[in-house]
């Protein structure tokens, strides 16, 4: 990351599955990690509790976009949901500058579809149909 005196905006990014071409999404959430802890009681008469680090845990990655045809992505989800054929994919999420060069990137390791949903279909609204793809993954790393 370059040294910039003001925060970067989060609206310009790309999502790439297994190094293939980028797929457009309107939002990405779930890039967070928490260090789980375990309580350890110590001491004799004057007991106190230590919080000891255990392992990192990761949220699910949630990708949202307007419903469009993307046969590769759809087939990957169908295989997971209907055939229980789980194919692990690495996903790279890159925050971009105006000239399309990455400011920062995160590589999500061993992701697979966990949930797919579609926004409400309502004849009274003139709204875009939004699909949401929720992915389970092992971990992510800064690249």
Protein backbone atom coordinates (compact mmCIF):
# COMPACT_ATOMS: atom_id res chain seq x y z
CA UNK A 1 0.00 0.00 0.00
CA UNK A 2 1.21 3.47 -0.79
CA UNK A 3 1.34 6.20 1.81
CA UNK A 4 -1.79 8.26 1.29
CA UNK A 5 -2.92 10.93 3.71
CA UNK A 6 -6.65 10.30 3.30
CA UNK A 7 -8.65 7.03 3.40
CA UNK A 8 -9.31 5.04 0.25
CA UNK A 9 -12.83 4.71 -1.08
CA UNK A 10 -14.37 1.24 -1.18
CA UNK A 11 -16.55 1.45 -4.28
CA UNK A 12 -14.04 0.34 -6.94
CA UNK A 13 -13.00 -3.29 -6.58
CA UNK A 14 -12.85 -6.56 -8.46
CA UNK A 15 -13.45 -10.19 -7.51
CA UNK A 16 -11.54 -12.94 -9.34
CA UNK A 17 -12.21 -16.67 -8.95
CA UNK A 18 -9.18 -18.99 -9.40
CA UNK A 19 -7.31 -16.45 -11.51
CA UNK A 20 -10.04 -16.35 -14.18
CA UNK A 21 -11.59 -13.11 -15.39
CA UNK A 22 -13.14 -10.84 -12.80
CA UNK A 23 -16.83 -11.13 -11.92
CA UNK A 24 -18.67 -7.94 -11.02
CA UNK A 25 -20.37 -7.67 -7.63
CA UNK A 26 -22.06 -4.70 -6.01
CA UNK A 27 -20.85 -5.56 -2.51
CA UNK A 28 -18.45 -7.85 -0.68
CA UNK A 29 -18.61 -8.48 3.07
CA UNK A 30 -17.08 -11.06 5.37
CA UNK A 31 -13.42 -10.19 5.14
CA UNK A 32 -12.91 -10.32 8.87
CA UNK A 33 -10.96 -12.45 11.27
CA UNK A 34 -11.33 -12.86 15.04
CA UNK A 35 -8.78 -14.38 17.38
CA UNK A 36 -10.72 -16.77 19.59
CA UNK A 37 -9.66 -17.01 23.22
CA UNK A 38 -9.98 -19.48 26.04
CA UNK A 39 -10.31 -18.61 29.71
CA UNK A 40 -7.63 -20.09 31.96
CA UNK A 41 -8.16 -19.86 35.71
CA UNK A 42 -4.90 -19.41 37.63
CA UNK A 43 -3.71 -18.67 41.11
CA UNK A 44 -4.44 -20.10 44.51
CA UNK A 45 -6.34 -18.01 47.00
CA UNK A 46 -6.33 -14.90 44.83
CA UNK A 47 -7.61 -16.49 41.62
CA UNK A 48 -7.64 -14.62 38.36
CA UNK A 49 -8.43 -15.46 34.76
CA UNK A 50 -6.10 -15.30 31.79
CA UNK A 51 -7.54 -15.05 28.31
CA UNK A 52 -5.31 -17.22 26.13
CA UNK A 53 -5.37 -17.07 22.33
CA UNK A 54 -6.60 -20.21 20.59
CA UNK A 55 -7.21 -19.90 16.87
CA UNK A 56 -8.50 -17.46 14.31
CA UNK A 57 -12.07 -17.74 13.04
CA UNK A 58 -13.41 -16.25 9.83
CA UNK A 59 -16.87 -15.03 8.84
CA UNK A 60 -18.57 -16.21 5.68
CA UNK A 61 -17.80 -14.22 2.55
CA UNK A 62 -20.98 -12.61 1.19
CA UNK A 63 -21.08 -11.46 -2.44
CA UNK A 64 -24.04 -9.50 -3.85
CA UNK A 65 -24.82 -8.51 -7.41
CA UNK A 66 -27.59 -7.90 -9.85
CA UNK A 67 -28.82 -11.20 -11.29
CA UNK A 68 -27.02 -11.85 -14.58
CA UNK A 69 -25.94 -14.88 -16.58
CA UNK A 70 -22.59 -16.26 -15.52
CA UNK A 71 -22.64 -19.91 -16.38
CA UNK A 72 -19.36 -20.82 -14.64
CA UNK A 73 -20.47 -19.31 -11.33
CA UNK A 74 -23.97 -20.79 -11.61
CA UNK A 75 -22.62 -24.27 -12.46
CA UNK A 76 -20.19 -24.12 -9.53
CA UNK A 77 -23.10 -23.37 -7.19
CA UNK A 78 -25.37 -25.99 -8.76
CA UNK A 79 -22.69 -28.66 -8.39
CA UNK A 80 -22.31 -27.83 -4.71
CA UNK A 81 -26.01 -27.57 -3.86
CA UNK A 82 -27.55 -30.29 -6.04
CA UNK A 83 -24.73 -32.79 -6.59
CA UNK A 84 -22.73 -32.29 -3.36
CA UNK A 85 -19.70 -31.86 -5.59
CA UNK A 86 -17.65 -29.35 -3.64
CA UNK A 87 -14.94 -27.65 -5.66
CA UNK A 88 -12.72 -25.39 -3.59
CA UNK A 89 -11.78 -22.10 -5.20
CA UNK A 90 -9.37 -19.35 -4.25
CA UNK A 91 -10.82 -15.87 -4.65
CA UNK A 92 -8.89 -12.61 -4.90
CA UNK A 93 -10.63 -9.39 -3.91
CA UNK A 94 -8.75 -6.26 -4.96
CA UNK A 95 -9.48 -2.66 -4.04
CA UNK A 96 -8.58 -0.57 -7.10
CA UNK A 97 -7.34 2.91 -7.94
CA UNK A 98 -8.99 4.85 -10.76
CA UNK A 99 -6.41 3.48 -13.20
CA UNK A 100 -7.41 -0.13 -12.25
CA UNK A 101 -4.19 -0.87 -10.35
CA UNK A 102 -4.70 -2.61 -6.98
CA UNK A 103 -4.36 -0.63 -3.79
CA UNK A 104 -4.77 -3.72 -1.64
CA UNK A 105 -5.75 -7.35 -2.26
CA UNK A 106 -7.00 -10.22 -0.15
CA UNK A 107 -6.82 -13.86 -1.18
CA UNK A 108 -9.63 -16.02 0.17
CA UNK A 109 -8.46 -19.63 0.39
CA UNK A 110 -10.56 -22.76 -0.29
CA UNK A 111 -13.97 -21.14 -0.70
CA UNK A 112 -17.13 -23.05 -1.58
CA UNK A 113 -20.81 -22.11 -1.85
CA UNK A 114 -22.76 -22.32 1.38
CA UNK A 115 -25.91 -20.35 0.51
CA UNK A 116 -27.49 -18.69 -2.51
CA UNK A 117 -30.49 -16.39 -2.30
CA UNK A 118 -32.47 -14.01 -4.48
CA UNK A 119 -34.03 -10.75 -3.39
CA UNK A 120 -37.79 -10.38 -3.24
CA UNK A 121 -39.63 -10.54 -6.55
CA UNK A 122 -42.33 -7.89 -6.36
CA UNK A 123 -44.41 -6.66 -9.31
CA UNK A 124 -45.03 -3.33 -7.54
CA UNK A 125 -41.36 -2.40 -7.37
CA UNK A 126 -39.11 -1.41 -10.22
CA UNK A 127 -36.03 -2.93 -8.58
CA UNK A 128 -33.09 -4.98 -9.81
CA UNK A 129 -33.15 -8.64 -8.80
CA UNK A 130 -30.17 -9.09 -6.44
CA UNK A 131 -28.55 -12.46 -5.92
CA UNK A 132 -26.54 -13.13 -2.80
CA UNK A 133 -23.85 -15.79 -2.68
CA UNK A 134 -22.53 -16.79 0.72
CA UNK A 135 -19.25 -18.69 0.73
CA UNK A 136 -17.54 -20.66 3.46
CA UNK A 137 -13.74 -20.43 3.35
CA UNK A 138 -10.73 -21.62 5.28
CA UNK A 139 -8.91 -18.31 5.75
CA UNK A 140 -7.78 -15.20 3.91
CA UNK A 141 -4.44 -13.52 3.57
CA UNK A 142 -3.27 -10.06 2.55
CA UNK A 143 -1.46 -10.25 -0.79
